[in-house]
């Protein structure tokens, strides 16, 4: 049986969108799914990266539009927590 590995961060809206699709993908491909949580900010620190959407209003607006496009494609509502940008990601 094929296996899918789904690595996710609970705070990521892209994780949420992907999570709405993973079961159907597994079913279509006859795969099992292994779910593995991780913290994207810890990974970013390891590779010398940082969340630019937290630093750039333009990138933040673009990302929100991008999320809206994916949500429409998946026919899935997206209602991010209003204080998402204020969470302690450390």
N, C-alpha and C. Protein backbone atom coordinates (compact mmCIF):
# COMPACT_ATOMS: atom_id res chain seq x y z
N UNK A 1 0.84 -1.18 0.00
CA UNK A 1 0.00 0.00 0.00
C UNK A 1 0.89 1.25 0.00
N UNK A 2 0.62 2.19 -0.89
CA UNK A 2 1.39 3.44 -0.89
C UNK A 2 1.18 4.20 0.41
N UNK A 3 2.18 5.00 0.77
CA UNK A 3 2.11 5.77 2.00
C UNK A 3 2.29 7.25 1.71
N UNK A 4 1.48 8.06 2.35
CA UNK A 4 1.63 9.51 2.29
C UNK A 4 2.09 9.99 3.66
N UNK A 5 3.01 10.93 3.67
CA UNK A 5 3.44 11.56 4.92
C UNK A 5 2.96 13.00 4.90
N UNK A 6 2.18 13.36 5.89
CA UNK A 6 1.64 14.71 5.98
C UNK A 6 2.26 15.40 7.20
N UNK A 7 3.21 16.28 6.93
CA UNK A 7 3.87 17.06 7.98
C UNK A 7 3.14 18.38 8.09
N UNK A 8 2.73 18.75 9.30
CA UNK A 8 1.89 19.93 9.43
C UNK A 8 2.24 20.74 10.67
N UNK A 9 1.93 22.03 10.58
CA UNK A 9 2.05 22.96 11.70
C UNK A 9 0.64 23.47 11.97
N UNK A 10 0.16 23.32 13.20
CA UNK A 10 -1.20 23.71 13.54
C UNK A 10 -1.50 25.17 13.25
N UNK A 11 -0.50 26.04 13.30
CA UNK A 11 -0.74 27.46 13.09
C UNK A 11 -0.79 27.86 11.62
N UNK A 12 -0.46 26.96 10.72
CA UNK A 12 -0.39 27.28 9.30
C UNK A 12 -1.75 27.17 8.63
N UNK A 13 -2.23 28.27 8.03
CA UNK A 13 -3.48 28.16 7.28
C UNK A 13 -3.34 27.27 6.05
N UNK A 14 -2.13 27.17 5.51
CA UNK A 14 -1.92 26.25 4.38
C UNK A 14 -2.04 24.80 4.85
N UNK A 15 -1.61 24.52 6.08
CA UNK A 15 -1.81 23.18 6.64
C UNK A 15 -3.29 22.87 6.71
N UNK A 16 -4.06 23.83 7.18
CA UNK A 16 -5.51 23.62 7.27
C UNK A 16 -6.08 23.28 5.90
N UNK A 17 -5.73 24.07 4.89
CA UNK A 17 -6.26 23.81 3.55
C UNK A 17 -5.84 22.43 3.04
N UNK A 18 -4.57 22.09 3.23
CA UNK A 18 -4.10 20.77 2.79
C UNK A 18 -4.81 19.65 3.55
N UNK A 19 -5.08 19.88 4.82
CA UNK A 19 -5.73 18.84 5.63
C UNK A 19 -7.14 18.53 5.13
N UNK A 20 -7.77 19.49 4.45
CA UNK A 20 -9.10 19.23 3.91
C UNK A 20 -9.05 18.35 2.67
N UNK A 21 -7.85 18.15 2.12
CA UNK A 21 -7.70 17.39 0.88
C UNK A 21 -7.01 16.05 1.06
N UNK A 22 -6.31 15.86 2.16
CA UNK A 22 -5.42 14.70 2.30
C UNK A 22 -6.19 13.37 2.33
N UNK A 23 -7.34 13.34 2.99
CA UNK A 23 -8.10 12.08 3.05
C UNK A 23 -8.58 11.65 1.67
N UNK A 24 -9.07 12.60 0.88
CA UNK A 24 -9.53 12.26 -0.48
C UNK A 24 -8.36 11.80 -1.34
N UNK A 25 -7.20 12.43 -1.19
CA UNK A 25 -6.01 12.01 -1.94
C UNK A 25 -5.62 10.59 -1.56
N UNK A 26 -5.64 10.31 -0.27
CA UNK A 26 -5.30 8.95 0.19
C UNK A 26 -6.28 7.93 -0.37
N UNK A 27 -7.54 8.29 -0.36
CA UNK A 27 -8.55 7.37 -0.88
C UNK A 27 -8.38 7.13 -2.39
N UNK A 28 -8.14 8.21 -3.15
CA UNK A 28 -7.95 8.08 -4.60
C UNK A 28 -6.74 7.22 -4.95
N UNK A 29 -5.70 7.31 -4.13
CA UNK A 29 -4.46 6.60 -4.45
C UNK A 29 -4.30 5.29 -3.68
N UNK A 30 -5.27 4.98 -2.83
CA UNK A 30 -5.17 3.77 -2.03
C UNK A 30 -4.04 3.82 -1.03
N UNK A 31 -3.74 5.03 -0.54
CA UNK A 31 -2.61 5.23 0.37
C UNK A 31 -3.05 5.32 1.81
N UNK A 32 -2.12 5.05 2.69
CA UNK A 32 -2.31 5.34 4.10
C UNK A 32 -1.61 6.67 4.37
N UNK A 33 -2.02 7.35 5.43
CA UNK A 33 -1.45 8.65 5.75
C UNK A 33 -0.82 8.61 7.14
N UNK A 34 0.40 9.09 7.22
CA UNK A 34 1.07 9.28 8.50
C UNK A 34 1.09 10.79 8.76
N UNK A 35 0.51 11.20 9.87
CA UNK A 35 0.45 12.62 10.24
C UNK A 35 1.59 12.93 11.21
N UNK A 36 2.37 13.95 10.89
CA UNK A 36 3.50 14.32 11.72
C UNK A 36 3.48 15.83 11.99
N UNK A 37 3.20 16.23 13.23
CA UNK A 37 3.23 17.66 13.54
C UNK A 37 4.66 18.15 13.68
N UNK A 38 4.88 19.40 13.32
CA UNK A 38 6.17 20.03 13.55
C UNK A 38 5.94 21.52 13.64
N UNK A 39 6.95 22.25 14.05
CA UNK A 39 6.84 23.70 14.18
C UNK A 39 7.67 24.35 13.09
N UNK A 40 6.96 24.99 12.16
CA UNK A 40 7.63 25.57 11.00
C UNK A 40 8.66 26.62 11.41
N UNK A 41 8.39 27.37 12.45
CA UNK A 41 9.36 28.40 12.85
C UNK A 41 10.65 27.80 13.36
N UNK A 42 10.57 26.67 14.03
CA UNK A 42 11.80 26.00 14.46
C UNK A 42 12.61 25.54 13.25
N UNK A 43 11.92 25.01 12.24
CA UNK A 43 12.61 24.60 11.02
C UNK A 43 13.23 25.81 10.32
N UNK A 44 12.49 26.90 10.25
CA UNK A 44 13.00 28.11 9.60
C UNK A 44 14.26 28.61 10.30
N UNK A 45 14.27 28.56 11.63
CA UNK A 45 15.45 28.98 12.38
C UNK A 45 16.66 28.11 12.04
N UNK A 46 16.42 26.80 11.91
CA UNK A 46 17.51 25.87 11.60
C UNK A 46 18.16 26.16 10.25
N UNK A 47 17.36 26.63 9.30
CA UNK A 47 17.90 26.88 7.96
C UNK A 47 18.16 28.36 7.69
N UNK A 48 18.03 29.19 8.74
CA UNK A 48 18.34 30.62 8.59
C UNK A 48 17.28 31.40 7.85
N UNK A 49 16.04 30.99 7.96
CA UNK A 49 14.94 31.67 7.29
C UNK A 49 14.06 32.33 8.34
N UNK A 50 13.11 33.16 7.91
CA UNK A 50 12.18 33.79 8.84
C UNK A 50 10.85 34.02 8.13
N UNK A 51 9.77 34.16 8.88
CA UNK A 51 8.45 34.34 8.28
C UNK A 51 8.26 35.76 7.77
N UNK A 52 8.50 35.97 6.51
CA UNK A 52 8.44 37.32 5.96
C UNK A 52 7.03 37.89 5.94
N UNK A 53 6.00 37.04 6.00
CA UNK A 53 4.64 37.58 6.05
C UNK A 53 4.39 38.31 7.36
N UNK A 54 5.20 38.03 8.36
CA UNK A 54 5.07 38.73 9.64
C UNK A 54 5.78 40.08 9.60
N UNK A 55 6.64 40.28 8.62
CA UNK A 55 7.44 41.50 8.54
C UNK A 55 7.01 42.42 7.40
N UNK A 56 6.28 41.91 6.44
CA UNK A 56 5.93 42.69 5.26
C UNK A 56 4.42 42.72 5.08
N UNK A 57 3.84 43.91 5.18
CA UNK A 57 2.39 44.05 5.00
C UNK A 57 1.97 43.62 3.60
N UNK A 58 2.79 43.92 2.60
CA UNK A 58 2.46 43.53 1.22
C UNK A 58 2.44 42.01 1.06
N UNK A 59 3.44 41.34 1.61
CA UNK A 59 3.48 39.89 1.50
C UNK A 59 2.33 39.26 2.29
N UNK A 60 2.00 39.85 3.43
CA UNK A 60 0.88 39.35 4.23
C UNK A 60 -0.43 39.46 3.43
N UNK A 61 -0.65 40.60 2.78
CA UNK A 61 -1.86 40.78 1.96
C UNK A 61 -1.88 39.79 0.79
N UNK A 62 -0.73 39.59 0.15
CA UNK A 62 -0.67 38.64 -0.95
C UNK A 62 -0.99 37.22 -0.45
N UNK A 63 -0.40 36.84 0.68
CA UNK A 63 -0.64 35.50 1.22
C UNK A 63 -2.12 35.30 1.55
N UNK A 64 -2.76 36.32 2.09
CA UNK A 64 -4.18 36.20 2.38
C UNK A 64 -4.99 36.01 1.10
N UNK A 65 -4.63 36.73 0.04
CA UNK A 65 -5.30 36.53 -1.24
C UNK A 65 -5.06 35.13 -1.79
N UNK A 66 -3.83 34.66 -1.65
CA UNK A 66 -3.48 33.32 -2.11
C UNK A 66 -4.29 32.27 -1.35
N UNK A 67 -4.40 32.44 -0.05
CA UNK A 67 -5.21 31.50 0.75
C UNK A 67 -6.65 31.52 0.28
N UNK A 68 -7.15 32.70 -0.04
CA UNK A 68 -8.52 32.80 -0.54
C UNK A 68 -8.71 32.05 -1.85
N UNK A 69 -7.72 32.14 -2.73
CA UNK A 69 -7.82 31.41 -4.01
C UNK A 69 -7.82 29.90 -3.79
N UNK A 70 -6.94 29.42 -2.91
CA UNK A 70 -6.91 27.98 -2.63
C UNK A 70 -8.19 27.54 -1.94
N UNK A 71 -8.68 28.35 -1.02
CA UNK A 71 -9.93 28.01 -0.32
C UNK A 71 -11.08 27.90 -1.32
N UNK A 72 -11.13 28.82 -2.28
CA UNK A 72 -12.18 28.76 -3.30
C UNK A 72 -12.03 27.50 -4.15
N UNK A 73 -10.79 27.20 -4.53
CA UNK A 73 -10.56 25.99 -5.34
C UNK A 73 -11.01 24.73 -4.59
N UNK A 74 -10.71 24.67 -3.29
CA UNK A 74 -11.08 23.51 -2.48
C UNK A 74 -12.49 23.60 -1.92
N UNK A 75 -13.18 24.71 -2.18
CA UNK A 75 -14.53 24.94 -1.65
C UNK A 75 -14.54 24.75 -0.13
N UNK A 76 -13.58 25.40 0.50
CA UNK A 76 -13.37 25.30 1.94
C UNK A 76 -13.31 26.70 2.55
N UNK A 77 -14.11 26.98 3.58
CA UNK A 77 -14.02 28.30 4.20
C UNK A 77 -12.73 28.45 4.99
N UNK A 78 -12.20 29.65 5.00
CA UNK A 78 -11.00 29.96 5.79
C UNK A 78 -11.36 31.12 6.70
N UNK A 79 -11.28 30.88 7.99
CA UNK A 79 -11.56 31.91 8.99
C UNK A 79 -10.42 31.93 10.00
N UNK A 80 -9.29 32.55 9.63
CA UNK A 80 -8.17 32.55 10.55
C UNK A 80 -8.50 33.28 11.84
N UNK A 81 -7.86 32.84 12.89
CA UNK A 81 -8.02 33.49 14.19
C UNK A 81 -7.64 34.97 14.03
N UNK A 82 -8.45 35.89 14.55
CA UNK A 82 -8.16 37.31 14.35
C UNK A 82 -6.83 37.77 14.96
N UNK A 83 -6.31 37.03 15.91
CA UNK A 83 -5.05 37.39 16.55
C UNK A 83 -3.89 36.52 16.09
N UNK A 84 -4.03 35.87 14.94
CA UNK A 84 -3.01 34.95 14.47
C UNK A 84 -1.62 35.59 14.43
N UNK A 85 -1.54 36.82 14.00
CA UNK A 85 -0.23 37.49 13.91
C UNK A 85 0.35 37.80 15.27
N UNK A 86 -0.45 37.67 16.33
CA UNK A 86 0.03 38.00 17.67
C UNK A 86 0.44 36.76 18.47
N UNK A 87 0.26 35.56 17.91
CA UNK A 87 0.67 34.35 18.63
C UNK A 87 2.17 34.34 18.86
N UNK A 88 2.56 33.76 19.97
CA UNK A 88 3.99 33.61 20.25
C UNK A 88 4.48 32.38 19.51
N UNK A 89 5.20 32.59 18.41
CA UNK A 89 5.67 31.49 17.60
C UNK A 89 6.99 30.91 18.13
N UNK A 90 7.57 31.54 19.12
CA UNK A 90 8.86 31.08 19.62
C UNK A 90 8.76 29.83 20.33
